[in-house]
Amino acid sequence: MPQQSDYSDKSRLRDLEEQFRAVFHEALDVIFIVDGTSGNILDVNRTTTRILGYERDTIIGKEFASLTPSESISTPEMMNDIRIFDGII
Protein backbone atom coordinates (compact mmCIF):
# COMPACT_ATOMS: atom_id res chain seq x y z
CA MET A 1 0.00 0.00 0.00
CA PRO A 2 1.40 3.44 -0.95
CA GLN A 3 2.46 5.75 1.86
CA GLN A 4 0.64 9.03 2.47
CA SER A 5 3.77 10.93 1.37
CA ASP A 6 3.64 9.12 -2.00
CA TYR A 7 0.19 10.60 -2.61
CA SER A 8 1.21 14.09 -1.49
CA ASP A 9 4.37 13.97 -3.65
CA LYS A 10 2.32 12.98 -6.70
CA SER A 11 -0.26 15.63 -5.93
CA ARG A 12 2.45 18.27 -5.57
CA LEU A 13 4.00 17.17 -8.86
CA ARG A 14 0.61 17.44 -10.62
CA ASP A 15 0.13 20.93 -9.17
CA LEU A 16 3.56 22.04 -10.39
CA GLU A 17 2.92 20.58 -13.83
CA GLU A 18 -0.37 22.48 -14.08
CA GLN A 19 1.38 25.70 -13.04
CA PHE A 20 4.11 25.14 -15.64
CA ARG A 21 1.57 24.50 -18.39
CA ALA A 22 -0.35 27.66 -17.50
CA VAL A 23 2.79 29.82 -17.51
CA PHE A 24 4.08 28.17 -20.69
CA HIS A 25 0.89 28.62 -22.69
CA GLU A 26 -0.03 32.09 -21.42
CA ALA A 27 3.45 33.67 -21.63
CA LEU A 28 3.75 36.63 -23.96
CA ASP A 29 7.21 35.45 -25.02
CA VAL A 30 7.86 33.02 -27.86
CA ILE A 31 8.78 29.70 -26.25
CA PHE A 32 9.98 26.53 -28.00
CA ILE A 33 10.75 23.25 -26.27
CA VAL A 34 13.39 21.60 -28.44
CA ASP A 35 14.92 18.13 -28.17
CA GLY A 36 18.60 18.80 -27.48
CA THR A 37 19.75 15.74 -29.40
CA SER A 38 17.70 15.87 -32.58
CA GLY A 39 16.90 19.59 -32.68
CA ASN A 40 13.23 18.75 -33.26
CA ILE A 41 10.56 20.97 -31.77
CA LEU A 42 8.62 19.15 -29.06
CA ASP A 43 6.20 21.93 -28.12
CA VAL A 44 5.49 25.64 -28.57
CA ASN A 45 3.31 28.08 -26.70
CA ARG A 46 0.36 30.09 -28.01
CA THR A 47 2.42 33.23 -28.58
CA THR A 48 4.73 31.27 -30.88
CA THR A 49 1.85 30.08 -33.05
CA ARG A 50 0.35 33.57 -33.17
CA ILE A 51 3.59 35.29 -34.15
CA LEU A 52 4.74 32.65 -36.64
CA GLY A 53 1.26 32.22 -38.12
CA TYR A 54 1.37 28.41 -38.00
CA GLU A 55 -0.82 25.94 -36.17
CA ARG A 56 0.87 24.16 -33.24
CA ASP A 57 0.63 20.76 -34.97
CA THR A 58 2.41 22.17 -38.02
CA ILE A 59 5.39 23.37 -35.95
CA ILE A 60 5.82 20.35 -33.68
CA GLY A 61 8.24 17.82 -35.12
CA LYS A 62 10.03 20.30 -37.37
CA GLU A 63 13.72 20.92 -36.88
CA PHE A 64 14.20 24.15 -34.96
CA ALA A 65 16.94 25.14 -37.40
CA SER A 66 14.45 25.04 -40.28
CA LEU A 67 12.56 28.00 -38.78
CA THR A 68 15.58 30.30 -38.55
CA PRO A 69 18.08 31.64 -41.04
CA SER A 70 20.98 29.19 -41.03
CA GLU A 71 23.58 31.81 -40.20
CA SER A 72 21.70 32.89 -37.05
CA ILE A 73 22.01 29.53 -35.30
CA SER A 74 25.52 28.81 -36.40
CA THR A 75 27.11 31.47 -34.25
CA PRO A 76 28.97 30.14 -31.21
CA GLU A 77 26.91 32.38 -28.93
CA MET A 78 23.59 30.99 -30.20
CA MET A 79 24.75 27.38 -30.00
CA ASN A 80 25.91 28.01 -26.43
CA ASP A 81 22.49 29.44 -25.52
CA ILE A 82 20.79 26.37 -26.98
CA ARG A 83 23.04 24.06 -24.95
CA ILE A 84 22.41 26.00 -21.75
CA PHE A 85 18.67 25.39 -21.99
CA ASP A 86 18.97 21.81 -23.25
CA GLY A 87 17.44 19.41 -20.76
CA ILE A 88 16.03 21.92 -18.30
CA ILE A 89 12.43 21.05 -19.11
C-alpha atoms as a PDB file:
ATOM      1  CA  MET A   1       0.000   0.000   0.000  1.00  0.00           C
ATOM      2  CA  PRO A   2       1.401   3.436  -0.954  1.00  0.00           C
ATOM      3  CA  GLN A   3       2.464   5.752   1.860  1.00  0.00           C
ATOM      4  CA  GLN A   4       0.645   9.029   2.471  1.00  0.00           C
ATOM      5  CA  SER A   5       3.770  10.929   1.375  1.00  0.00           C
ATOM      6  CA  ASP A   6       3.642   9.125  -2.004  1.00  0.00           C
ATOM      7  CA  TYR A   7       0.195  10.603  -2.607  1.00  0.00           C
ATOM      8  CA  SER A   8       1.210  14.087  -1.487  1.00  0.00           C
ATOM      9  CA  ASP A   9       4.369  13.971  -3.651  1.00  0.00           C
ATOM     10  CA  LYS A  10       2.318  12.982  -6.701  1.00  0.00           C
ATOM     11  CA  SER A  11      -0.264  15.634  -5.931  1.00  0.00           C
ATOM     12  CA  ARG A  12       2.447  18.273  -5.573  1.00  0.00           C
ATOM     13  CA  LEU A  13       4.004  17.167  -8.860  1.00  0.00           C
ATOM     14  CA  ARG A  14       0.615  17.438 -10.623  1.00  0.00           C
ATOM     15  CA  ASP A  15       0.126  20.932  -9.172  1.00  0.00           C
ATOM     16  CA  LEU A  16       3.562  22.040 -10.387  1.00  0.00           C
ATOM     17  CA  GLU A  17       2.921  20.580 -13.832  1.00  0.00           C
ATOM     18  CA  GLU A  18      -0.371  22.479 -14.079  1.00  0.00           C
ATOM     19  CA  GLN A  19       1.381  25.699 -13.043  1.00  0.00           C
ATOM     20  CA  PHE A  20       4.112  25.136 -15.638  1.00  0.00           C
ATOM     21  CA  ARG A  21       1.575  24.505 -18.390  1.00  0.00           C
ATOM     22  CA  ALA A  22      -0.350  27.661 -17.495  1.00  0.00           C
ATOM     23  CA  VAL A  23       2.786  29.821 -17.513  1.00  0.00           C
ATOM     24  CA  PHE A  24       4.083  28.170 -20.689  1.00  0.00           C
ATOM     25  CA  HIS A  25       0.895  28.617 -22.693  1.00  0.00           C
ATOM     26  CA  GLU A  26      -0.031  32.089 -21.422  1.00  0.00           C
ATOM     27  CA  ALA A  27       3.450  33.666 -21.626  1.00  0.00           C
ATOM     28  CA  LEU A  28       3.746  36.631 -23.957  1.00  0.00           C
ATOM     29  CA  ASP A  29       7.212  35.445 -25.018  1.00  0.00           C
ATOM     30  CA  VAL A  30       7.856  33.021 -27.862  1.00  0.00           C
ATOM     31  CA  ILE A  31       8.781  29.697 -26.252  1.00  0.00           C
ATOM     32  CA  PHE A  32       9.976  26.532 -27.995  1.00  0.00           C
ATOM     33  CA  ILE A  33      10.755  23.254 -26.274  1.00  0.00           C
ATOM     34  CA  VAL A  34      13.393  21.597 -28.439  1.00  0.00           C
ATOM     35  CA  ASP A  35      14.921  18.133 -28.172  1.00  0.00           C
ATOM     36  CA  GLY A  36      18.597  18.801 -27.484  1.00  0.00           C
ATOM     37  CA  THR A  37      19.750  15.738 -29.397  1.00  0.00           C
ATOM     38  CA  SER A  38      17.696  15.874 -32.578  1.00  0.00           C
ATOM     39  CA  GLY A  39      16.900  19.588 -32.682  1.00  0.00           C
ATOM     40  CA  ASN A  40      13.227  18.748 -33.265  1.00  0.00           C
ATOM     41  CA  ILE A  41      10.558  20.970 -31.771  1.00  0.00           C
ATOM     42  CA  LEU A  42       8.619  19.150 -29.058  1.00  0.00           C
ATOM     43  CA  ASP A  43       6.202  21.927 -28.121  1.00  0.00           C
ATOM     44  CA  VAL A  44       5.487  25.638 -28.568  1.00  0.00           C
ATOM     45  CA  ASN A  45       3.314  28.078 -26.702  1.00  0.00           C
ATOM     46  CA  ARG A  46       0.359  30.089 -28.013  1.00  0.00           C
ATOM     47  CA  THR A  47       2.417  33.228 -28.578  1.00  0.00           C
ATOM     48  CA  THR A  48       4.731  31.273 -30.878  1.00  0.00           C
ATOM     49  CA  THR A  49       1.845  30.083 -33.049  1.00  0.00           C
ATOM     50  CA  ARG A  50       0.348  33.571 -33.168  1.00  0.00           C
ATOM     51  CA  ILE A  51       3.592  35.290 -34.147  1.00  0.00           C
ATOM     52  CA  LEU A  52       4.739  32.648 -36.640  1.00  0.00           C
ATOM     53  CA  GLY A  53       1.263  32.220 -38.125  1.00  0.00           C
ATOM     54  CA  TYR A  54       1.374  28.415 -37.996  1.00  0.00           C
ATOM     55  CA  GLU A  55      -0.816  25.940 -36.167  1.00  0.00           C
ATOM     56  CA  ARG A  56       0.869  24.158 -33.241  1.00  0.00           C
ATOM     57  CA  ASP A  57       0.627  20.762 -34.969  1.00  0.00           C
ATOM     58  CA  THR A  58       2.407  22.174 -38.018  1.00  0.00           C
ATOM     59  CA  ILE A  59       5.386  23.368 -35.952  1.00  0.00           C
ATOM     60  CA  ILE A  60       5.818  20.346 -33.676  1.00  0.00           C
ATOM     61  CA  GLY A  61       8.235  17.817 -35.122  1.00  0.00           C
ATOM     62  CA  LYS A  62      10.031  20.303 -37.366  1.00  0.00           C
ATOM     63  CA  GLU A  63      13.724  20.919 -36.879  1.00  0.00           C
ATOM     64  CA  PHE A  64      14.203  24.146 -34.958  1.00  0.00           C
ATOM     65  CA  ALA A  65      16.944  25.139 -37.403  1.00  0.00           C
ATOM     66  CA  SER A  66      14.451  25.039 -40.279  1.00  0.00           C
ATOM     67  CA  LEU A  67      12.564  27.997 -38.780  1.00  0.00           C
ATOM     68  CA  THR A  68      15.578  30.296 -38.546  1.00  0.00           C
ATOM     69  CA  PRO A  69      18.079  31.636 -41.044  1.00  0.00           C
ATOM     70  CA  SER A  70      20.985  29.185 -41.032  1.00  0.00           C
ATOM     71  CA  GLU A  71      23.580  31.815 -40.197  1.00  0.00           C
ATOM     72  CA  SER A  72      21.704  32.889 -37.055  1.00  0.00           C
ATOM     73  CA  ILE A  73      22.009  29.530 -35.302  1.00  0.00           C
ATOM     74  CA  SER A  74      25.517  28.807 -36.405  1.00  0.00           C
ATOM     75  CA  THR A  75      27.106  31.472 -34.251  1.00  0.00           C
ATOM     76  CA  PRO A  76      28.969  30.137 -31.211  1.00  0.00           C
ATOM     77  CA  GLU A  77      26.910  32.379 -28.934  1.00  0.00           C
ATOM     78  CA  MET A  78      23.594  30.987 -30.198  1.00  0.00           C
ATOM     79  CA  MET A  79      24.753  27.385 -29.997  1.00  0.00           C
ATOM     80  CA  ASN A  80      25.907  28.006 -26.428  1.00  0.00           C
ATOM     81  CA  ASP A  81      22.492  29.444 -25.523  1.00  0.00           C
ATOM     82  CA  ILE A  82      20.791  26.372 -26.984  1.00  0.00           C
ATOM     83  CA  ARG A  83      23.040  24.058 -24.954  1.00  0.00           C
ATOM     84  CA  ILE A  84      22.407  26.005 -21.747  1.00  0.00           C
ATOM     85  CA  PHE A  85      18.672  25.393 -21.993  1.00  0.00           C
ATOM     86  CA  ASP A  86      18.966  21.812 -23.249  1.00  0.00           C
ATOM     87  CA  GLY A  87      17.438  19.410 -20.758  1.00  0.00           C
ATOM     88  CA  ILE A  88      16.030  21.923 -18.298  1.00  0.00           C
ATOM     89  CA  ILE A  89      12.426  21.054 -19.110  1.00  0.00           C
END
